[in-house]
Amino acid sequence: MKKILMCLALLISSSAFAIGDTDSFYSTSGALVRIGDTEAELLNKMRAHQSPAIEWVQNNRGYSFRAEVYTFSIETMIYKVYISQGKIFKITSNYS
């Protein structure tokens, strides 16, 4: 019984760590997309021709600002790439 509970706890904790912010991910072509890349670099690496969504994001000081958000689905992960002033400042990942 203890082994079953240990396995269950491990599964729950491992899935919780996979969801959240990340600083980079690999595109389907194998290119590394990371924080600090420009919007043009992102679109080139992802070979994407999509329009971004617009979201209002709050920084750690409480100020809201406009960000462009691109969403990409790669295998079982969904990546949201946030861009402000032409550069990636945040990447989130989540299971699809």
Protein backbone atom coordinates (compact mmCIF):
# COMPACT_ATOMS: atom_id res chain seq x y z
CA MET A 1 0.00 0.00 0.00
CA LYS A 2 2.84 2.38 0.82
CA LYS A 3 4.40 1.77 -2.58
CA ILE A 4 1.17 2.65 -4.33
CA LEU A 5 0.84 5.88 -2.36
CA MET A 6 4.48 6.75 -3.07
CA CYS A 7 3.97 6.18 -6.83
CA LEU A 8 0.80 8.27 -6.80
CA ALA A 9 2.55 11.12 -4.97
CA LEU A 10 5.44 10.99 -7.44
CA LEU A 11 3.07 11.19 -10.43
CA ILE A 12 1.21 14.16 -9.01
CA SER A 13 4.37 16.07 -8.09
CA SER A 14 6.10 15.42 -11.43
CA SER A 15 3.13 16.71 -13.42
CA ALA A 16 2.96 19.83 -11.25
CA PHE A 17 6.57 20.74 -12.01
CA ALA A 18 6.05 20.51 -15.78
CA ILE A 19 3.49 23.31 -15.82
CA GLY A 20 4.59 26.92 -15.52
CA ASP A 21 7.26 29.33 -16.68
CA THR A 22 10.30 28.25 -18.63
CA ASP A 23 13.16 30.18 -20.20
CA SER A 24 13.40 28.24 -23.49
CA PHE A 25 12.01 25.44 -25.65
CA TYR A 26 12.88 23.69 -28.91
CA SER A 27 10.83 24.31 -32.03
CA THR A 28 9.73 21.48 -34.30
CA SER A 29 12.70 22.29 -36.57
CA GLY A 30 15.12 21.92 -33.63
CA ALA A 31 15.86 25.64 -33.15
CA LEU A 32 16.09 26.92 -29.59
CA VAL A 33 13.57 29.65 -28.73
CA ARG A 34 14.52 31.56 -25.58
CA ILE A 35 13.81 34.67 -23.56
CA GLY A 36 15.52 37.66 -25.15
CA ASP A 37 14.98 36.54 -28.75
CA THR A 38 13.28 39.07 -31.01
CA GLU A 39 9.83 38.60 -32.49
CA ALA A 40 11.37 38.13 -35.95
CA GLU A 41 13.71 35.41 -34.62
CA LEU A 42 10.75 33.63 -32.99
CA LEU A 43 8.70 33.63 -36.19
CA ASN A 44 11.69 32.48 -38.22
CA LYS A 45 12.54 29.64 -35.82
CA MET A 46 8.91 28.51 -35.57
CA ARG A 47 8.27 29.06 -39.30
CA ALA A 48 5.03 30.70 -38.23
CA HIS A 49 2.82 33.17 -40.07
CA GLN A 50 0.22 33.78 -37.41
CA SER A 51 -1.04 36.93 -35.77
CA PRO A 52 -0.48 37.31 -32.04
CA ALA A 53 -3.18 37.76 -29.44
CA ILE A 54 -3.01 40.90 -27.32
CA GLU A 55 -3.04 40.60 -23.53
CA TRP A 56 -2.50 43.01 -20.70
CA VAL A 57 0.19 41.70 -18.36
CA GLN A 58 1.15 42.93 -14.92
CA ASN A 59 4.81 43.21 -13.91
CA ASN A 60 6.20 42.61 -10.41
CA ARG A 61 5.62 46.28 -9.48
CA GLY A 62 1.93 46.10 -10.34
CA TYR A 63 2.05 48.08 -13.58
CA SER A 64 0.03 46.77 -16.51
CA PHE A 65 1.40 46.79 -20.02
CA ARG A 66 0.42 45.44 -23.42
CA ALA A 67 2.03 42.21 -24.64
CA GLU A 68 1.70 40.20 -27.83
CA VAL A 69 1.16 36.49 -27.16
CA TYR A 70 1.91 33.70 -29.59
CA THR A 71 0.63 30.20 -28.80
CA PHE A 72 2.36 27.10 -30.17
CA SER A 73 1.42 23.44 -29.71
CA ILE A 74 4.38 21.08 -29.91
CA GLU A 75 3.66 17.38 -29.30
CA THR A 76 1.84 17.33 -25.93
CA MET A 77 2.89 20.80 -24.74
CA ILE A 78 1.35 24.19 -25.34
CA TYR A 79 3.78 27.11 -25.20
CA LYS A 80 2.69 30.73 -24.81
CA VAL A 81 5.36 33.23 -25.81
CA TYR A 82 4.95 36.79 -24.48
CA ILE A 83 6.56 39.66 -26.39
CA SER A 84 6.92 43.29 -25.39
CA GLN A 85 8.99 45.97 -27.13
CA GLY A 86 9.93 43.45 -29.81
CA LYS A 87 11.54 40.86 -27.49
CA ILE A 88 10.44 37.70 -25.70
CA PHE A 89 10.16 38.36 -21.96
CA LYS A 90 8.18 35.32 -20.79
CA ILE A 91 7.45 31.74 -21.90
CA THR A 92 4.86 29.52 -20.24
CA SER A 93 4.25 25.84 -20.85
CA ASN A 94 1.31 23.58 -20.13
CA TYR A 95 0.10 20.12 -21.14
CA SER A 96 -2.45 20.05 -23.95
